Amino acid sequence: MKYIPKGLTAGNVAIGVGVVLLAPIVLPILGSVAKPIIKSVIKGTLIAYDGVKVTIAEAKESLEDITAEAKAEVASKATVEE
């Protein structure tokens, strides 16, 4: 780790002071920019979730219909063979 300076240097202190002084200014700006992006991502996720829910419900209904038809065919063949 030869790139990390040892101890406190004037540069390190200046960077630390700059971060402390600029944080109250920069963080609200970043928050105001990030909030709409995060909100749109959440909205998109909710819309996708609803779409997947509908698709799964339709697939389940189709599978139940196919199962009912298969059971009916098996039952009709069993009554014919008896």
N, C-alpha and C. Protein backbone atom coordinates (compact mmCIF):
# COMPACT_ATOMS: atom_id res chain seq x y z
N MET A 1 0.82 -1.16 0.00
CA MET A 1 0.00 0.00 0.00
C MET A 1 0.88 1.25 0.00
N LYS A 2 1.67 1.38 -0.99
CA LYS A 2 2.58 2.53 -1.04
C LYS A 2 1.88 3.81 -1.50
N TYR A 3 0.64 3.71 -1.98
CA TYR A 3 -0.07 4.91 -2.47
C TYR A 3 -0.82 5.63 -1.37
N ILE A 4 -1.00 5.00 -0.22
CA ILE A 4 -1.71 5.63 0.88
C ILE A 4 -0.69 6.33 1.77
N PRO A 5 -0.79 7.66 1.92
CA PRO A 5 0.18 8.37 2.75
C PRO A 5 -0.04 8.06 4.23
N LYS A 6 1.04 8.05 4.96
CA LYS A 6 0.96 7.76 6.39
C LYS A 6 0.81 9.07 7.17
N GLY A 7 -0.08 9.07 8.14
CA GLY A 7 -0.24 10.23 8.99
C GLY A 7 -1.06 11.33 8.33
N LEU A 8 -1.22 12.40 9.06
CA LEU A 8 -1.97 13.54 8.56
C LEU A 8 -1.05 14.44 7.74
N THR A 9 -1.52 14.78 6.59
CA THR A 9 -0.79 15.75 5.77
C THR A 9 -1.70 16.94 5.53
N ALA A 10 -1.14 18.01 5.06
CA ALA A 10 -1.94 19.21 4.79
C ALA A 10 -2.99 18.93 3.73
N GLY A 11 -2.64 18.13 2.75
CA GLY A 11 -3.60 17.78 1.70
C GLY A 11 -4.78 16.99 2.23
N ASN A 12 -4.49 16.01 3.10
CA ASN A 12 -5.57 15.21 3.69
C ASN A 12 -6.49 16.06 4.54
N VAL A 13 -5.92 16.95 5.31
CA VAL A 13 -6.73 17.82 6.15
C VAL A 13 -7.58 18.75 5.29
N ALA A 14 -7.01 19.27 4.23
CA ALA A 14 -7.76 20.17 3.34
C ALA A 14 -8.92 19.43 2.69
N ILE A 15 -8.69 18.20 2.26
CA ILE A 15 -9.77 17.41 1.65
C ILE A 15 -10.86 17.15 2.69
N GLY A 16 -10.49 16.79 3.91
CA GLY A 16 -11.46 16.54 4.96
C GLY A 16 -12.29 17.77 5.28
N VAL A 17 -11.64 18.91 5.39
CA VAL A 17 -12.35 20.16 5.67
C VAL A 17 -13.28 20.51 4.51
N GLY A 18 -12.82 20.31 3.29
CA GLY A 18 -13.65 20.59 2.11
C GLY A 18 -14.90 19.72 2.08
N VAL A 19 -14.74 18.44 2.41
CA VAL A 19 -15.88 17.53 2.43
C VAL A 19 -16.87 17.96 3.49
N VAL A 20 -16.39 18.29 4.67
CA VAL A 20 -17.27 18.70 5.77
C VAL A 20 -18.02 19.99 5.42
N LEU A 21 -17.34 20.93 4.78
CA LEU A 21 -17.99 22.20 4.44
C LEU A 21 -18.96 22.07 3.27
N LEU A 22 -18.66 21.22 2.30
CA LEU A 22 -19.51 21.10 1.12
C LEU A 22 -20.65 20.09 1.28
N ALA A 23 -20.56 19.19 2.22
CA ALA A 23 -21.58 18.16 2.39
C ALA A 23 -22.98 18.75 2.58
N PRO A 24 -23.18 19.76 3.43
CA PRO A 24 -24.54 20.30 3.59
C PRO A 24 -25.08 20.95 2.31
N ILE A 25 -24.22 21.33 1.41
CA ILE A 25 -24.66 21.95 0.16
C ILE A 25 -24.91 20.90 -0.91
N VAL A 26 -24.01 19.94 -1.01
CA VAL A 26 -24.05 18.96 -2.10
C VAL A 26 -25.09 17.87 -1.84
N LEU A 27 -25.21 17.39 -0.61
CA LEU A 27 -26.13 16.29 -0.34
C LEU A 27 -27.59 16.61 -0.64
N PRO A 28 -28.13 17.78 -0.29
CA PRO A 28 -29.52 18.07 -0.68
C PRO A 28 -29.71 18.14 -2.20
N ILE A 29 -28.71 18.64 -2.90
CA ILE A 29 -28.81 18.69 -4.37
C ILE A 29 -28.85 17.28 -4.94
N LEU A 30 -27.95 16.43 -4.45
CA LEU A 30 -27.95 15.04 -4.91
C LEU A 30 -29.25 14.33 -4.56
N GLY A 31 -29.78 14.63 -3.37
CA GLY A 31 -31.05 14.04 -2.96
C GLY A 31 -32.20 14.47 -3.84
N SER A 32 -32.22 15.75 -4.23
CA SER A 32 -33.31 16.24 -5.07
C SER A 32 -33.22 15.67 -6.48
N VAL A 33 -32.02 15.34 -6.92
CA VAL A 33 -31.85 14.73 -8.24
C VAL A 33 -32.16 13.24 -8.18
N ALA A 34 -31.74 12.59 -7.10
CA ALA A 34 -31.91 11.14 -6.99
C ALA A 34 -33.34 10.73 -6.68
N LYS A 35 -34.08 11.57 -5.96
CA LYS A 35 -35.44 11.20 -5.55
C LYS A 35 -36.35 10.88 -6.74
N PRO A 36 -36.43 11.71 -7.79
CA PRO A 36 -37.30 11.36 -8.92
C PRO A 36 -36.85 10.09 -9.64
N ILE A 37 -35.55 9.87 -9.70
CA ILE A 37 -35.04 8.67 -10.36
C ILE A 37 -35.46 7.43 -9.57
N ILE A 38 -35.26 7.48 -8.26
CA ILE A 38 -35.63 6.34 -7.42
C ILE A 38 -37.14 6.12 -7.46
N LYS A 39 -37.90 7.21 -7.46
CA LYS A 39 -39.36 7.10 -7.51
C LYS A 39 -39.81 6.44 -8.81
N SER A 40 -39.20 6.82 -9.94
CA SER A 40 -39.59 6.21 -11.21
C SER A 40 -39.19 4.74 -11.28
N VAL A 41 -38.07 4.39 -10.68
CA VAL A 41 -37.67 2.98 -10.63
C VAL A 41 -38.68 2.18 -9.82
N ILE A 42 -39.12 2.72 -8.70
CA ILE A 42 -40.10 2.02 -7.87
C ILE A 42 -41.43 1.89 -8.61
N LYS A 43 -41.86 2.96 -9.29
CA LYS A 43 -43.11 2.89 -10.06
C LYS A 43 -43.02 1.84 -11.16
N GLY A 44 -41.89 1.81 -11.86
CA GLY A 44 -41.70 0.80 -12.90
C GLY A 44 -41.73 -0.61 -12.35
N THR A 45 -41.13 -0.79 -11.19
CA THR A 45 -41.13 -2.10 -10.56
C THR A 45 -42.54 -2.52 -10.17
N LEU A 46 -43.33 -1.58 -9.64
CA LEU A 46 -44.71 -1.90 -9.27
C LEU A 46 -45.55 -2.26 -10.49
N ILE A 47 -45.35 -1.54 -11.58
CA ILE A 47 -46.09 -1.84 -12.82
C ILE A 47 -45.70 -3.22 -13.34
N ALA A 48 -44.41 -3.51 -13.33
CA ALA A 48 -43.95 -4.82 -13.79
C ALA A 48 -44.49 -5.93 -12.89
N TYR A 49 -44.52 -5.68 -11.58
CA TYR A 49 -45.04 -6.67 -10.64
C TYR A 49 -46.51 -6.97 -10.94
N ASP A 50 -47.30 -5.92 -11.18
CA ASP A 50 -48.71 -6.14 -11.50
C ASP A 50 -48.86 -6.94 -12.79
N GLY A 51 -48.03 -6.63 -13.79
CA GLY A 51 -48.09 -7.38 -15.05
C GLY A 51 -47.75 -8.84 -14.86
N VAL A 52 -46.74 -9.11 -14.06
CA VAL A 52 -46.34 -10.50 -13.80
C VAL A 52 -47.44 -11.22 -13.02
N LYS A 53 -48.06 -10.51 -12.08
CA LYS A 53 -49.15 -11.11 -11.30
C LYS A 53 -50.29 -11.54 -12.22
N VAL A 54 -50.66 -10.69 -13.17
CA VAL A 54 -51.74 -11.01 -14.11
C VAL A 54 -51.34 -12.20 -14.98
N THR A 55 -50.11 -12.19 -15.47
CA THR A 55 -49.65 -13.28 -16.32
C THR A 55 -49.66 -14.61 -15.58
N ILE A 56 -49.22 -14.60 -14.33
CA ILE A 56 -49.21 -15.83 -13.54
C ILE A 56 -50.64 -16.30 -13.28
N ALA A 57 -51.55 -15.38 -13.00
CA ALA A 57 -52.95 -15.76 -12.76
C ALA A 57 -53.55 -16.39 -14.02
N GLU A 58 -53.25 -15.82 -15.19
CA GLU A 58 -53.76 -16.39 -16.44
C GLU A 58 -53.17 -17.76 -16.70
N ALA A 59 -51.88 -17.92 -16.44
CA ALA A 59 -51.24 -19.22 -16.64
C ALA A 59 -51.82 -20.26 -15.69
N LYS A 60 -52.07 -19.85 -14.44
CA LYS A 60 -52.66 -20.77 -13.46
C LYS A 60 -54.05 -21.19 -13.89
N GLU A 61 -54.83 -20.23 -14.40
CA GLU A 61 -56.19 -20.55 -14.86
C GLU A 61 -56.16 -21.51 -16.04
N SER A 62 -55.24 -21.29 -16.97
CA SER A 62 -55.12 -22.19 -18.11
C SER A 62 -54.73 -23.59 -17.67
N LEU A 63 -53.79 -23.67 -16.73
CA LEU A 63 -53.36 -24.97 -16.22
C LEU A 63 -54.50 -25.68 -15.50
N GLU A 64 -55.30 -24.93 -14.75
CA GLU A 64 -56.45 -25.53 -14.08
C GLU A 64 -57.48 -26.04 -15.09
N ASP A 65 -57.68 -25.29 -16.18
CA ASP A 65 -58.61 -25.73 -17.22
C ASP A 65 -58.12 -27.02 -17.88
N ILE A 66 -56.85 -27.05 -18.20
CA ILE A 66 -56.28 -28.25 -18.84
C ILE A 66 -56.38 -29.44 -17.90
N THR A 67 -56.12 -29.22 -16.61
CA THR A 67 -56.21 -30.30 -15.63
C THR A 67 -57.65 -30.79 -15.52
N ALA A 68 -58.60 -29.89 -15.50
CA ALA A 68 -60.01 -30.29 -15.43
C ALA A 68 -60.41 -31.09 -16.66
N GLU A 69 -59.95 -30.66 -17.85
CA GLU A 69 -60.26 -31.41 -19.07
C GLU A 69 -59.65 -32.81 -19.03
N ALA A 70 -58.42 -32.89 -18.56
CA ALA A 70 -57.76 -34.20 -18.48
C ALA A 70 -58.48 -35.11 -17.49
N LYS A 71 -58.89 -34.57 -16.35
CA LYS A 71 -59.63 -35.37 -15.38
C LYS A 71 -60.96 -35.85 -15.96
N ALA A 72 -61.62 -34.96 -16.70
CA ALA A 72 -62.90 -35.33 -17.31
C ALA A 72 -62.70 -36.45 -18.33
N GLU A 73 -61.63 -36.37 -19.13
CA GLU A 73 -61.35 -37.43 -20.12
C GLU A 73 -61.05 -38.75 -19.42
N VAL A 74 -60.27 -38.70 -18.35
CA VAL A 74 -59.95 -39.92 -17.62
C VAL A 74 -61.21 -40.49 -17.00
N ALA A 75 -62.06 -39.67 -16.46
CA ALA A 75 -63.30 -40.15 -15.84
C ALA A 75 -64.24 -40.73 -16.89
N SER A 76 -64.32 -40.11 -18.08
CA SER A 76 -65.22 -40.64 -19.11
C SER A 76 -64.70 -41.97 -19.66
N LYS A 77 -63.38 -42.12 -19.80
CA LYS A 77 -62.81 -43.39 -20.25
C LYS A 77 -63.03 -44.46 -19.20
N ALA A 78 -62.96 -44.11 -17.92
CA ALA A 78 -63.17 -45.09 -16.85
C ALA A 78 -64.61 -45.57 -16.84
N THR A 79 -65.59 -44.71 -17.11
CA THR A 79 -66.99 -45.13 -17.13
C THR A 79 -67.30 -45.96 -18.37
N VAL A 80 -66.64 -45.67 -19.50
CA VAL A 80 -66.86 -46.42 -20.73
C VAL A 80 -66.28 -47.83 -20.59
N GLU A 81 -65.15 -47.97 -19.93
CA GLU A 81 -64.49 -49.26 -19.80
C GLU A 81 -65.19 -50.14 -18.77
N GLU A 82 -65.97 -49.58 -17.88
CA GLU A 82 -66.63 -50.40 -16.84
C GLU A 82 -67.80 -51.13 -17.36
